């Protein structure tokens, strides 16, 4: 599917149609995590915000604690 950006005030937006939201199990009120590698954009609906925040904090804590180990493993 190819989508175009639309103006939304001073920003740009992508409209996600209701059938796509339904397929993702999302609604207009669902928060989405946005990830980019500088070339692509990935939007993932957050189903359980509390659980997601706990997981995110855990990943950040682990990353800080084992940063050197992860860097060595990546070599």
Protein backbone atom coordinates (compact mmCIF):
# COMPACT_ATOMS: atom_id res chain seq x y z
CA UNK A 1 0.00 0.00 0.00
CA UNK A 2 1.34 3.44 -0.87
CA UNK A 3 0.30 6.38 1.30
CA UNK A 4 0.97 10.10 0.97
CA UNK A 5 1.53 12.51 3.81
CA UNK A 6 -1.19 15.06 4.50
CA UNK A 7 -0.78 18.48 6.13
CA UNK A 8 -1.84 18.64 9.76
CA UNK A 9 -1.17 22.13 11.09
CA UNK A 10 2.58 22.68 10.89
CA UNK A 11 3.20 18.93 10.70
CA UNK A 12 2.58 16.07 8.31
CA UNK A 13 0.44 13.01 9.04
CA UNK A 14 -0.39 9.60 7.63
CA UNK A 15 -4.04 8.57 7.73
CA UNK A 16 -4.57 4.95 8.76
CA UNK A 17 -7.92 3.63 7.56
CA UNK A 18 -10.26 1.79 9.94
CA UNK A 19 -9.80 -1.65 8.28
CA UNK A 20 -6.03 -1.42 8.83
CA UNK A 21 -6.55 -0.36 12.46
CA UNK A 22 -8.91 -3.31 12.95
CA UNK A 23 -6.36 -5.68 11.43
CA UNK A 24 -3.80 -4.39 13.97
CA UNK A 25 -6.25 -4.59 16.85
CA UNK A 26 -5.97 -0.82 17.27
CA UNK A 27 -8.36 2.13 17.48
CA UNK A 28 -7.99 5.87 17.05
CA UNK A 29 -7.05 6.03 20.77
CA UNK A 30 -4.29 3.41 20.58
CA UNK A 31 -0.74 4.62 21.22
CA UNK A 32 1.85 3.55 18.65
CA UNK A 33 5.56 3.02 19.12
CA UNK A 34 7.51 4.58 16.26
CA UNK A 35 10.94 3.20 15.33
CA UNK A 36 13.19 4.31 12.49
CA UNK A 37 16.62 3.37 11.22
CA UNK A 38 16.82 6.57 9.19
CA UNK A 39 15.46 4.89 6.05
CA UNK A 40 12.32 3.08 7.19
CA UNK A 41 9.55 3.78 9.67
CA UNK A 42 7.86 1.06 11.74
CA UNK A 43 4.67 1.77 13.69
CA UNK A 44 3.62 -0.79 16.29
CA UNK A 45 0.39 -0.48 18.28
CA UNK A 46 0.88 -0.65 22.03
CA UNK A 47 -1.76 -2.99 23.39
CA UNK A 48 -0.92 -2.67 27.08
CA UNK A 49 0.76 0.65 27.89
CA UNK A 50 1.62 -0.30 31.49
CA UNK A 51 3.25 -3.57 30.42
CA UNK A 52 5.03 -1.81 27.56
CA UNK A 53 6.49 0.84 29.90
CA UNK A 54 7.74 -1.83 32.32
CA UNK A 55 9.34 -3.75 29.47
CA UNK A 56 10.94 -0.59 28.04
CA UNK A 57 12.42 0.35 31.44
CA UNK A 58 13.73 -3.19 31.87
CA UNK A 59 15.41 -3.12 28.46
CA UNK A 60 17.00 0.27 29.20
CA UNK A 61 18.25 -0.93 32.60
CA UNK A 62 19.70 -4.10 31.07
CA UNK A 63 21.31 -2.09 28.28
CA UNK A 64 23.04 0.23 30.74
CA UNK A 65 24.15 -2.59 33.03
CA UNK A 66 25.54 -4.86 30.31
CA UNK A 67 26.54 -2.27 27.70
CA UNK A 68 30.18 -3.38 27.49
CA UNK A 69 29.20 -7.04 27.26
CA UNK A 70 26.76 -6.32 24.41
CA UNK A 71 29.44 -4.31 22.58
CA UNK A 72 31.91 -7.21 22.88
CA UNK A 73 29.31 -9.71 21.66
CA UNK A 74 28.55 -7.49 18.66
CA UNK A 75 32.15 -7.66 17.41
